[in-house]
Protein backbone atom coordinates (compact mmCIF):
# COMPACT_ATOMS: atom_id res chain seq x y z
CA MET A 1 154.61 140.07 88.90
CA LYS A 2 158.01 139.59 87.57
CA GLY A 3 159.52 135.98 87.47
CA MET A 4 162.98 134.47 87.46
CA ASN A 5 164.95 133.79 84.18
CA PRO A 6 164.83 129.82 84.15
CA GLU A 7 168.39 130.05 82.71
CA SER A 8 169.92 132.17 85.48
CA SER A 9 170.56 129.28 87.90
CA GLY A 10 172.71 130.31 90.84
CA SER A 11 172.99 134.15 90.04
CA VAL A 12 173.54 136.10 93.26
CA LEU A 13 173.25 140.02 93.68
CA ILE A 14 175.44 141.26 96.42
CA VAL A 15 174.18 144.65 97.81
CA ASP A 16 176.41 146.43 100.53
CA ASP A 17 177.70 149.88 100.93
CA GLU A 18 181.08 148.63 101.97
CA GLU A 19 183.27 147.64 98.89
CA MET A 20 185.53 145.36 100.91
CA VAL A 21 182.67 143.39 102.02
CA ARG A 22 181.17 143.30 98.58
CA HIS A 23 184.21 141.93 97.09
CA MET A 24 184.83 139.39 99.85
CA LEU A 25 181.31 138.01 99.38
CA ASN A 26 181.81 138.00 95.74
CA ARG A 27 184.92 136.02 96.08
CA ILE A 28 183.61 133.57 98.33
CA LEU A 29 180.61 132.84 96.25
CA THR A 30 182.44 133.16 92.84
CA ASP A 31 184.98 130.58 94.17
CA ASN A 32 182.24 128.31 94.82
CA GLY A 33 180.51 128.38 91.18
CA TYR A 34 177.92 131.22 91.69
CA HIS A 35 177.58 133.98 89.38
CA CYS A 36 177.63 137.17 91.27
CA SER A 37 176.78 140.83 90.66
CA MET A 38 177.48 143.77 92.85
CA ALA A 39 175.61 146.92 93.80
CA CYS A 40 176.52 149.58 96.62
CA ASP A 41 173.12 150.51 97.66
CA ALA A 42 169.50 149.84 97.09
CA ALA A 43 169.27 152.31 93.90
CA GLU A 44 172.11 150.44 92.02
CA ALA A 45 170.42 147.12 93.00
CA ARG A 46 167.02 148.24 91.63
CA ALA A 47 168.92 149.27 88.37
CA CYS A 48 170.39 145.78 88.27
CA PHE A 49 167.07 144.11 88.57
CA LYS A 50 166.06 146.08 85.73
CA GLN A 51 168.61 144.46 83.61
CA THR A 52 168.33 140.89 84.92
CA CYS A 53 166.57 138.60 87.44
CA PHE A 54 168.49 136.90 90.16
CA ASP A 55 168.26 133.72 92.06
CA MET A 56 169.23 135.28 95.23
CA VAL A 57 170.08 138.77 96.74
CA LEU A 58 172.70 139.13 99.54
CA SER A 59 171.82 142.68 101.21
CA ASP A 60 173.00 144.62 104.04
CA LEU A 61 170.38 146.44 106.15
CA GLN A 62 172.01 149.81 106.79
CA MET A 63 172.98 151.69 103.84
CA PRO A 64 172.92 155.07 102.84
CA GLY A 65 169.68 156.34 101.17
CA GLU A 66 167.15 153.51 100.95
CA SER A 67 167.52 150.99 103.78
CA GLY A 68 168.06 147.39 103.30
CA LEU A 69 164.59 146.56 104.61
CA ASP A 70 162.95 148.66 102.03
CA LEU A 71 165.06 146.97 99.25
CA ILE A 72 164.07 143.54 100.72
CA ARG A 73 160.23 144.66 100.78
CA PHE A 74 160.74 145.79 96.96
CA VAL A 75 162.43 142.44 96.05
CA ARG A 76 159.87 140.44 97.92
CA SER A 77 156.98 142.47 96.34
CA GLU A 78 158.31 142.63 92.79
CA TYR A 79 160.39 139.57 92.45
CA PRO A 80 158.87 136.96 94.99
CA ASP A 81 160.75 134.10 93.34
CA THR A 82 164.04 135.67 94.30
CA ALA A 83 165.69 134.36 97.72
CA VAL A 84 166.85 137.09 100.14
CA ILE A 85 169.63 136.81 102.77
CA ILE A 86 170.50 139.51 105.14
CA VAL A 87 174.19 140.04 105.70
CA THR A 88 174.73 142.65 108.46
CA VAL A 89 176.28 143.64 111.64
CA VAL A 90 172.94 144.92 113.02
CA GLU A 91 172.19 142.89 116.22
CA ASP A 92 168.98 144.83 117.05
CA LEU A 93 166.27 142.33 117.78
CA GLN A 94 163.55 144.71 116.55
CA THR A 95 165.20 144.96 113.33
CA ALA A 96 165.97 141.28 113.01
CA ARG A 97 162.21 140.56 113.49
CA GLU A 98 161.10 143.08 110.96
CA ALA A 99 163.55 141.35 108.43
CA ILE A 100 162.47 137.79 109.43
CA ALA A 101 158.77 139.05 109.03
CA LEU A 102 159.61 139.69 105.41
CA ASP A 103 160.10 135.93 104.80
CA LEU A 104 163.99 135.98 104.39
CA TYR A 105 165.78 132.82 103.44
CA GLY A 106 168.63 133.59 105.81
CA TYR A 107 170.26 135.84 108.34
CA VAL A 108 173.95 136.16 108.37
CA ILE A 109 175.93 138.24 110.97
CA LYS A 110 179.02 140.09 110.07
CA PRO A 111 181.93 139.39 110.11
CA VAL A 112 180.85 136.82 107.79
CA ASP A 113 181.99 133.18 108.29
CA SER A 114 182.46 131.66 104.71
CA SER A 115 181.23 128.39 105.70
CA GLN A 116 178.11 129.79 107.28
CA LEU A 117 177.59 131.95 104.35
CA LEU A 118 178.02 129.09 101.68
CA ILE A 119 175.61 126.84 103.83
CA SER A 120 173.10 129.71 104.18
CA VAL A 121 173.23 130.31 100.37
CA ALA A 122 172.91 126.62 99.47
CA ASN A 123 170.13 126.16 101.77
CA ALA A 124 168.49 129.26 100.53
CA LEU A 125 168.67 128.29 96.93
CA ARG A 126 167.56 124.58 97.78
CA ARG A 127 164.49 126.07 99.63
CA ARG A 128 163.95 128.28 96.80
CA GLY A 129 164.19 125.52 94.23
CA LEU A 130 161.69 123.50 96.37
CA GLU A 131 159.36 126.55 96.57
CA LEU A 132 159.61 126.92 92.77
CA LYS A 133 158.74 123.28 92.36
CA GLU A 134 155.90 123.54 94.75
CA LYS A 135 154.75 126.83 93.21
CA ALA A 136 155.05 125.19 89.76
CA TYR A 137 153.19 122.27 91.27
CA HIS A 138 150.44 124.41 92.69
CA GLN A 139 150.23 126.20 89.39
CA MET A 140 149.78 123.02 87.62
CA LEU A 141 147.10 122.01 90.06
CA GLU A 142 145.42 125.32 89.83
CA LYS A 143 145.47 125.21 85.93
CA LYS A 144 144.06 121.40 86.21
CA ILE A 145 141.57 122.83 88.83
CA TYR A 146 140.78 125.77 86.75
CA ASP A 147 140.57 123.53 83.46
CA ARG A 148 138.55 120.92 85.41
CA THR A 149 136.35 123.60 86.53
CA LEU A 150 135.83 124.88 83.03
CA GLU A 151 135.04 121.29 81.95
CA LEU A 152 132.64 120.83 84.76
CA GLN A 153 130.95 124.24 83.92
CA GLU A 154 130.82 123.24 80.42
CA THR A 155 129.54 119.98 81.45
CA VAL A 156 126.97 121.64 83.73
CA GLN A 157 126.02 123.84 81.01
CA LYS A 158 125.52 120.86 78.53
CA LEU A 159 123.51 119.09 81.30
CA GLU A 160 121.46 122.25 81.85
CA THR A 161 121.14 122.45 78.19
CA ALA A 162 120.18 118.90 77.81
CA ARG A 163 117.98 119.22 80.68
CA LYS A 164 116.09 121.98 78.94
CA GLU A 165 115.93 120.11 75.61
CA LYS A 166 114.73 117.12 77.43
CA GLU A 167 112.06 119.12 79.12
CA GLU A 168 111.24 120.91 76.12
CA ALA A 169 111.19 117.58 74.16
CA ALA A 170 109.16 116.15 77.06
CA ASN A 171 106.75 119.06 76.65
CA GLN A 172 106.55 118.71 72.78
CA LEU A 173 105.94 114.77 73.35
CA HIS A 174 103.37 115.56 75.79
CA ASP A 175 101.84 118.10 73.37
CA GLN A 176 102.17 115.38 70.60
CA LEU A 177 100.59 112.66 72.55
CA PHE A 178 97.87 115.04 73.56
CA PHE A 179 97.39 115.95 69.94
CA LEU A 180 97.43 112.44 68.73
CA GLN A 181 95.01 111.47 71.47
CA ILE A 182 92.55 114.26 70.27
CA LEU A 183 93.15 113.08 66.59
CA MET A 184 92.29 109.52 67.51
CA ASP A 185 89.26 110.55 69.52
CA ALA A 186 88.29 112.43 66.36
CA ILE A 187 88.35 109.28 64.24
CA PRO A 188 85.12 107.37 64.32
CA ALA A 189 86.69 104.18 63.90
CA PRO A 190 87.76 102.24 67.06
CA ILE A 191 91.33 102.32 67.57
CA PHE A 192 93.31 100.48 70.17
CA TYR A 193 97.01 99.51 71.09
CA LYS A 194 98.35 96.74 72.99
CA ASP A 195 101.79 95.56 74.42
CA ARG A 196 103.48 92.36 73.83
CA GLU A 197 101.45 90.32 76.23
CA GLY A 198 98.11 91.50 74.77
CA VAL A 199 97.43 93.96 77.57
CA TYR A 200 95.70 97.32 76.39
CA ARG A 201 97.81 100.43 76.65
CA GLY A 202 95.14 102.84 75.15
CA GLY A 203 92.30 103.48 72.60
CA ASN A 204 90.24 106.30 71.49
CA LEU A 205 86.65 107.43 72.38
CA ALA A 206 85.15 105.17 69.49
CA PHE A 207 86.69 102.08 71.23
CA LYS A 208 84.27 102.76 74.05
CA SER A 209 81.27 102.15 71.81
CA TYR A 210 82.85 99.00 70.63
CA SER A 211 84.09 97.69 74.16
CA GLY A 212 81.87 99.20 76.63
CA VAL A 213 85.13 100.32 78.61
CA PRO A 214 86.12 104.15 78.76
CA LYS A 215 89.40 104.92 77.19
CA ASP A 216 90.88 106.11 80.55
CA ARG A 217 90.04 102.89 82.19
CA ILE A 218 90.98 100.39 79.14
CA VAL A 219 94.64 100.49 80.02
CA GLY A 220 95.83 97.30 81.98
CA LYS A 221 92.88 95.32 80.64
CA THR A 222 92.86 92.49 78.15
CA VAL A 223 90.57 91.13 75.36
CA PHE A 224 89.35 88.55 77.91
CA ASP A 225 87.78 91.54 79.98
CA ILE A 226 85.81 92.93 77.24
CA ALA A 227 84.76 89.92 74.88
CA PRO A 228 83.20 86.66 75.33
CA SER A 229 85.73 83.88 76.45
CA GLU A 230 85.73 81.81 73.04
CA LEU A 231 85.87 84.80 70.92
CA ALA A 232 88.49 86.51 73.19
CA LYS A 233 90.62 83.31 72.79
CA VAL A 234 90.57 83.55 69.08
CA TYR A 235 91.45 87.18 69.08
CA HIS A 236 94.21 86.62 71.72
CA GLN A 237 95.92 84.05 69.53
CA ALA A 238 95.51 86.13 66.46
CA ASP A 239 97.47 88.82 68.33
CA MET A 240 100.35 86.50 69.67
CA LYS A 241 100.60 85.25 66.08
CA LEU A 242 101.13 88.79 64.67
CA ILE A 243 103.62 89.57 67.66
CA GLN A 244 105.77 86.55 66.90
CA GLU A 245 105.59 86.51 63.07
CA GLY A 246 105.21 90.32 62.50
CA GLY A 247 103.66 91.77 59.37
CA ARG A 248 100.02 92.80 59.24
CA GLN A 249 96.70 91.10 59.92
CA VAL A 250 93.28 92.37 57.89
CA TYR A 251 90.17 90.22 58.39
CA GLU A 252 86.58 90.37 58.60
CA ALA A 253 84.34 89.45 61.43
CA SER A 254 80.79 89.85 62.73
CA VAL A 255 80.89 91.38 66.13
CA LYS A 256 78.50 92.58 68.91
CA PHE A 257 79.07 96.04 70.09
CA ALA A 258 78.67 97.15 73.83
CA ASP A 259 75.16 98.09 73.04
CA GLY A 260 74.21 94.54 71.69
CA SER A 261 74.07 95.48 68.05
CA LEU A 262 75.70 93.14 65.70
CA HIS A 263 78.18 94.82 63.22
CA ASP A 264 80.22 93.56 60.29
CA VAL A 265 83.75 94.76 60.94
CA VAL A 266 87.14 94.62 59.17
CA PHE A 267 90.16 94.40 61.87
CA HIS A 268 93.56 95.93 60.63
CA LYS A 269 96.34 95.17 62.92
CA ASP A 270 100.17 95.89 62.56
CA VAL A 271 102.92 95.73 65.05
CA TYR A 272 104.76 98.73 66.41
CA LYS A 273 108.58 98.73 67.55
CA ASP A 274 110.58 100.27 70.25
CA THR A 275 113.68 102.38 69.52
CA GLU A 276 115.80 99.55 69.25
CA GLY A 277 113.67 98.06 66.55
CA HIS A 278 112.04 95.31 68.61
CA ILE A 279 108.36 94.46 68.48
CA ALA A 280 106.73 96.23 71.36
CA GLY A 281 103.11 95.65 70.66
CA ILE A 282 100.31 95.90 68.24
CA VAL A 283 97.82 98.71 67.14
CA GLY A 284 94.60 97.88 65.73
CA VAL A 285 91.80 99.67 63.95
CA ILE A 286 88.22 98.49 63.66
CA LEU A 287 86.21 99.50 60.56
CA ASP A 288 82.58 99.27 60.70
CA ILE A 289 81.46 97.94 57.31
CA THR A 290 77.89 97.26 58.18
CA GLU A 291 76.32 100.07 55.97
CA ARG A 292 78.85 98.98 53.34
CA LYS A 293 77.68 95.26 53.28
CA GLN A 294 74.10 96.32 53.12
CA LEU A 295 74.91 98.96 50.35
CA GLU A 296 76.89 96.15 48.43
CA LYS A 297 73.97 93.74 48.52
CA LYS A 298 71.73 96.48 47.39
CA LEU A 299 74.25 97.31 44.38
CA LEU A 300 74.70 93.61 43.54
CA GLN A 301 70.91 93.46 43.28
CA ALA A 302 70.72 96.55 41.17
CA GLN A 303 73.49 95.22 38.94
CA LYS A 304 71.54 92.11 38.34
CA LEU A 305 68.41 94.06 37.63
CA GLU A 306 70.44 96.45 35.38
CA SER A 307 71.80 93.08 33.52
CA ILE A 308 68.32 91.92 33.04
CA GLY A 309 67.17 95.38 31.86
CA ARG A 310 70.16 95.35 29.35
CA LEU A 311 69.16 91.86 28.24
CA ALA A 312 65.45 92.67 28.38
CA ALA A 313 65.13 93.18 24.44
CA GLY A 314 66.95 89.86 23.77
CA ILE A 315 64.95 88.28 26.39
CA ALA A 316 61.78 89.50 25.06
CA HIS A 317 62.83 88.28 21.52
CA GLU A 318 63.73 84.79 22.72
CA ILE A 319 60.17 84.73 24.57
CA ASN A 320 58.40 86.27 21.21
CA THR A 321 59.75 83.52 19.01
CA PRO A 322 58.20 80.70 20.71
CA ALA A 323 55.23 82.53 21.65
CA GLN A 324 54.71 83.40 17.79
CA TYR A 325 54.52 79.92 16.65
CA VAL A 326 52.54 78.84 19.75
CA ARG A 327 49.97 81.31 18.52
CA ASP A 328 50.34 80.23 14.91
CA ASN A 329 49.68 76.75 16.07
CA LEU A 330 46.71 77.61 17.96
CA ARG A 331 45.29 79.42 15.02
CA PHE A 332 45.91 76.26 13.05
CA LEU A 333 44.32 74.24 15.63
CA GLU A 334 41.18 76.54 15.47
CA ASP A 335 40.89 76.28 11.69
CA ALA A 336 41.47 72.41 11.85
CA LEU A 337 38.85 72.18 14.53
CA GLY A 338 36.45 73.91 12.13
CA ASP A 339 37.30 71.50 9.33
CA LEU A 340 36.75 68.69 11.83
CA LYS A 341 33.59 69.76 13.03
CA PRO A 342 31.07 68.48 10.52
CA VAL A 343 32.95 65.06 10.69
CA LEU A 344 32.53 65.14 14.49
CA ASP A 345 28.98 66.14 14.09
CA PHE A 346 28.16 63.38 11.71
CA VAL A 347 29.85 60.78 14.04
CA MET A 348 27.86 62.18 17.06
CA ARG A 349 24.63 61.72 14.98
CA LEU A 350 25.66 58.45 13.18
CA SER A 351 23.84 56.17 15.53
CA GLU A 352 20.50 58.36 14.96
CA GLU A 353 21.01 57.95 11.10
CA ILE A 354 21.47 54.05 11.66
CA ARG A 355 18.18 54.04 13.71
CA LYS A 356 16.23 55.75 10.88
CA GLU A 357 17.25 52.69 8.89
CA LYS A 358 19.09 54.82 6.29
CA PRO A 359 20.93 52.68 3.77
CA GLY A 360 24.38 51.99 4.81
CA THR A 361 25.95 52.96 1.31
CA GLU A 362 24.43 56.26 1.74
CA ILE A 363 26.05 56.67 5.34
CA VAL A 364 29.24 55.60 3.94
CA ASP A 365 29.21 58.09 1.17
CA GLU A 366 28.29 60.96 3.39
CA LEU A 367 31.32 60.05 5.69
CA GLU A 368 33.75 59.83 2.86
CA THR A 369 32.60 63.34 1.51
CA LEU A 370 33.17 64.71 4.94
CA LEU A 371 36.64 63.19 5.44
CA LYS A 372 37.59 64.51 1.91
CA THR A 373 36.32 67.95 2.70
CA SER A 374 38.16 68.08 6.01
CA ASP A 375 41.46 66.71 4.69
CA MET A 376 41.61 64.27 7.67
CA GLU A 377 44.83 62.65 6.82
CA TYR A 378 46.58 66.15 6.81
CA LEU A 379 45.06 67.19 10.14
CA LEU A 380 45.96 63.81 11.81
CA THR A 381 49.53 64.53 10.76
CA GLU A 382 49.88 68.14 11.52
CA ILE A 383 47.73 68.49 14.68
CA PRO A 384 50.05 66.25 16.95
CA GLN A 385 53.18 68.39 15.63
CA SER A 386 51.33 71.64 16.40
CA ILE A 387 50.66 70.37 19.91
CA THR A 388 54.36 69.39 20.44
CA GLN A 389 55.65 72.55 18.89
CA SER A 390 53.41 74.43 21.23
CA LEU A 391 54.57 72.53 24.29
CA GLU A 392 58.30 73.05 23.22
CA GLY A 393 57.51 76.80 22.85
CA ILE A 394 55.69 76.80 26.29
CA TYR A 395 58.70 75.00 27.89
CA HIS A 396 61.10 77.35 26.41
CA VAL A 397 59.38 80.30 27.59
CA ASN A 398 59.02 78.82 30.96
CA LYS A 399 62.92 77.93 31.02
CA ILE A 400 63.45 81.60 30.31
CA VAL A 401 61.15 83.01 32.77
CA LEU A 402 62.60 80.38 35.58
CA SER A 403 66.06 81.42 34.63
CA MET A 404 65.09 85.26 35.13
CA ARG A 405 63.46 84.46 38.38
CA ASP A 406 66.65 82.52 39.83
CA PHE A 407 68.88 85.31 38.52
CA SER A 408 67.00 88.37 39.90
CA ARG A 409 65.83 86.64 43.20
CA PRO A 410 67.63 88.59 46.11
CA ASN A 411 69.56 86.46 48.76
CA LYS A 412 67.33 86.82 51.72
CA ASP A 413 68.41 83.86 53.48
CA GLY A 414 72.09 84.18 52.88
CA LYS A 415 74.41 81.40 51.72
CA THR A 416 72.63 78.12 50.53
CA SER A 417 73.54 74.86 48.81
CA VAL A 418 73.61 75.62 45.07
CA ASN A 419 73.78 73.42 41.81
CA LEU A 420 76.19 75.46 40.14
CA ASN A 421 75.71 73.55 36.80
CA LYS A 422 72.04 74.48 36.90
CA ALA A 423 72.86 78.12 37.64
CA ILE A 424 75.31 78.32 34.79
CA GLU A 425 72.64 76.80 32.36
CA SER A 426 70.22 79.75 33.59
CA SER A 427 72.65 82.41 32.96
CA ILE A 428 73.38 80.90 29.58
CA THR A 429 69.65 80.93 28.89
CA ILE A 430 68.96 84.59 29.72
CA SER A 431 72.06 85.87 28.03
CA GLN A 432 71.35 84.23 24.63
CA ASN A 433 70.76 87.55 23.00
CA GLU A 434 74.22 88.44 23.76
CA TRP A 435 76.24 85.58 22.70
CA LYS A 436 73.69 83.59 19.90
CA PRO A 437 74.44 86.22 17.07
CA VAL A 438 78.26 85.85 17.42
CA ALA A 439 79.12 82.59 19.17
CA VAL A 440 78.17 79.03 19.98
CA VAL A 441 78.15 78.19 23.72
CA GLU A 442 79.59 74.80 24.39
CA THR A 443 79.11 73.13 28.02
CA ASP A 444 81.29 70.26 29.65
CA PHE A 445 79.55 69.90 33.11
CA ASP A 446 80.74 67.47 35.69
CA ALA A 447 77.74 65.41 36.41
CA THR A 448 79.17 64.42 39.82
CA LEU A 449 79.83 68.08 40.87
CA PRO A 450 78.87 68.53 44.44
CA GLN A 451 76.60 71.45 45.60
CA VAL A 452 78.47 74.39 46.75
CA PHE A 453 77.37 76.51 49.79
CA CYS A 454 77.15 79.91 48.46
CA LEU A 455 75.18 83.16 47.46
CA ALA A 456 73.12 81.89 44.53
CA GLY A 457 72.12 85.31 43.23
CA GLU A 458 75.54 86.68 43.42
CA MET A 459 77.04 83.51 41.58
CA ASN A 460 74.49 83.95 38.81
CA GLN A 461 75.82 87.41 38.46
CA VAL A 462 79.20 86.22 38.20
CA PHE A 463 78.30 83.69 35.36
CA LEU A 464 76.43 86.30 33.38
CA ASN A 465 79.14 88.97 33.76
CA LEU A 466 81.63 86.36 32.34
CA LEU A 467 79.44 85.19 29.53
CA ILE A 468 78.68 88.69 28.43
CA ASN A 469 82.14 89.61 28.68
CA ALA A 470 83.18 86.50 26.50
CA ALA A 471 80.50 87.29 23.96
CA HIS A 472 81.99 90.91 23.43
CA ALA A 473 85.39 89.51 23.02
CA VAL A 474 84.16 86.89 20.48
CA GLU A 475 82.23 89.56 18.80
CA GLU A 476 85.22 91.68 18.54
CA ALA A 477 87.35 88.99 16.85
CA VAL A 478 84.45 87.86 14.62
CA TYR A 479 84.25 91.31 13.10
CA LYS A 480 87.84 91.23 12.42
CA THR A 481 87.42 88.06 10.38
CA ASP A 482 84.72 86.82 7.75
CA GLY A 483 81.98 86.75 10.54
CA THR A 484 82.27 83.11 11.38
CA LYS A 485 80.70 82.50 14.82
CA GLY A 486 83.23 82.02 17.79
CA THR A 487 82.87 79.47 20.53
CA ILE A 488 82.47 79.96 24.18
CA SER A 489 82.96 76.94 26.37
CA VAL A 490 81.99 76.56 29.91
CA SER A 491 83.28 73.58 32.15
CA THR A 492 82.99 72.37 35.74
CA ARG A 493 85.32 70.07 37.59
CA LYS A 494 85.78 68.87 41.15
CA LYS A 495 89.35 69.36 42.16
CA ASN A 496 90.36 68.15 45.78
CA ASP A 497 88.41 70.32 48.22
CA SER A 498 87.34 72.86 45.68
CA VAL A 499 85.11 73.25 42.41
CA GLU A 500 86.68 74.81 39.34
CA ILE A 501 84.85 76.58 36.73
CA ARG A 502 86.41 77.89 33.44
CA PHE A 503 84.73 80.18 30.99
CA SER A 504 86.79 80.13 27.81
CA ASP A 505 86.48 82.11 24.60
CA ASN A 506 88.41 82.07 21.12
CA GLY A 507 87.89 86.00 21.13
CA SER A 508 90.55 88.90 20.78
CA GLY A 509 92.41 88.12 24.05
CA ILE A 510 93.53 90.76 26.54
CA PRO A 511 96.33 93.16 25.59
CA GLU A 512 99.44 92.87 27.79
CA SER A 513 99.31 96.44 28.68
CA ILE A 514 96.07 96.31 30.74
CA ARG A 515 95.88 92.70 31.97
CA HIS A 516 97.07 93.95 35.51
CA ARG A 517 94.02 96.44 35.42
CA ILE A 518 91.10 94.15 34.35
CA PHE A 519 89.83 93.59 37.81
CA ASP A 520 90.24 97.12 38.81
CA PRO A 521 86.68 99.02 39.38
CA PHE A 522 85.43 101.29 36.66
CA PHE A 523 88.22 100.09 34.29
CA THR A 524 86.95 99.25 30.88
CA THR A 525 88.08 99.24 27.13
CA LYS A 526 84.60 99.24 25.74
CA GLU A 527 82.99 102.18 24.06
CA VAL A 528 80.65 104.44 26.17
CA GLY A 529 77.22 102.95 26.74
CA ARG A 530 78.40 99.43 26.61
CA GLY A 531 80.32 98.83 29.73
CA ILE A 532 81.21 100.80 33.01
CA GLY A 533 83.97 98.64 34.29
CA GLN A 534 82.16 97.06 36.97
CA GLY A 535 81.54 93.52 35.39
CA LEU A 536 84.83 91.78 36.17
CA ASN A 537 85.52 93.67 39.45
CA VAL A 538 82.10 92.74 40.86
CA ALA A 539 82.78 89.04 39.78
CA TYR A 540 86.19 89.17 41.32
CA ARG A 541 84.70 90.60 44.66
CA ILE A 542 81.98 88.17 44.76
CA ILE A 543 84.38 85.15 44.50
CA THR A 544 87.13 86.28 46.56
CA GLU A 545 85.59 88.53 49.14
CA LEU A 546 82.19 86.91 49.81
CA HIS A 547 83.28 83.22 49.29
CA GLY A 548 86.95 83.04 50.10
CA GLY A 549 87.63 81.76 46.58
CA SER A 550 90.09 82.83 43.84
CA MET A 551 89.73 84.03 40.24
CA ASP A 552 92.45 84.27 37.82
CA PHE A 553 92.84 84.14 33.97
CA ILE A 554 95.12 83.17 31.16
CA THR A 555 95.03 84.96 27.70
CA GLU A 556 96.72 85.19 24.34
CA GLU A 557 95.97 88.00 22.11
CA ASP A 558 94.07 87.29 19.07
CA LYS A 559 93.64 83.68 20.47
CA GLY A 560 91.29 84.01 23.35
CA THR A 561 90.96 84.08 27.13
CA THR A 562 90.03 81.64 29.93
CA PHE A 563 88.87 82.92 33.32
CA MET A 564 89.25 80.36 36.15
CA ILE A 565 87.01 80.30 39.16
CA ARG A 566 87.77 78.20 42.29
CA MET A 567 85.24 77.76 44.91
CA PRO A 568 85.74 76.02 48.32
CA ILE A 569 83.31 73.14 48.96
């Protein structure tokens, strides 16, 4: 469809087969500021439209060749923005109806009145202008509607895409949650998670064994629904503290499972957050360490027996030395008794000799001979010493045996009140063969030290490990020098609500590069066969995990090390 040239404002094409009429109309319109072109028939008018577009066409109806109605139909069809006015003498009503049906802008009857013509032309152009504005407005609306429709279509497409993505994400989330639930159910440790109020939101299959509540029925319950009230209160307070402060909680407890069995467990609790980073609740894992605890007890006992086995040769030597001089003294007493026997026999029959009225001088001579023969003065001096030495030897052997018994005895009754000074003395006694060749042990015990509630056998293991460790450190330093013996010092003190025990040595010290690893399991710097890296690790775990104490050290290379133990009273 052809449009008007926006710069051809007020351009008029006059089409009439009468030249005089054409020029008259041209004059009237030109005089009033219109730009006019003329055509004598429809064919010429079509040619004019090929060269330019017009704002208006003034056309006669009856012309030779193509009629004015056909021309008007052409213009209305090809140039709908061009206004058309009929200027004709035709007064036929039917023709007028046909012309008006073509949506004309005016109908002027010849002879033409100039005023009527100008009014018709002005009204027609005004109407055309309004129609063009309306058309432009409608086009603008249509464009906006079209653009808006495109936007809406794009929005709908985006929403549909988002819906599909959301649906796909929801399906993926459902699959992930399903997989996570299967994964949790496959984990043998009880797992649970709660909201900020401590209400369970879910758990795994293993949690049923712990709580007695099926996983699909745990949602909505609290710890007060599955645990004794006093214990539930403790758990709930711990949960609320974790939610308020954040972080993580790890603690051991003895709990009764739903089947009534008592288990040692470790609670691992942590917070989880929502999409905005706010704490939304807690998730927890319960690790059953009952079997591990039993194995640890067996392992500790085995390590104690291993330590005794490792010290067996030295202990045998320590026992053999006093046993040897007890044996030698007993042999001496046996020989001495043989020497004393004639004297004792004479004394026994002395009264009989006197009754025989044997001269006194003869009896005295015989007694003096017997006393000289038996070396009575020597025997009276040595026999008491032999008895004393034998008793000391027996005491020393008895001390070693008792120390070994205290050290190796398993803890059947759990924690008891223990005299730590005495326990350290026992460990010093049975470890003599380790430290005696290279060091002197000095003790500085607090006589007022209170008894400590602890595992006696395990504490003996700690003391023995530290003594042996100190002996090896001193030995290494001694071999670097002239062989002078080193010193191992052990002290005990009461400090506030705890007991402090120090094991110090003037050995080789701990190199800075390995200080952070000395409590690691299986870490050792000793040669193969002399250490497996368990001594300090076992000691550290016994003090910190089993007794809630602390263990640390200070050291300086080539000057020595001090291990400090603190035990709560």
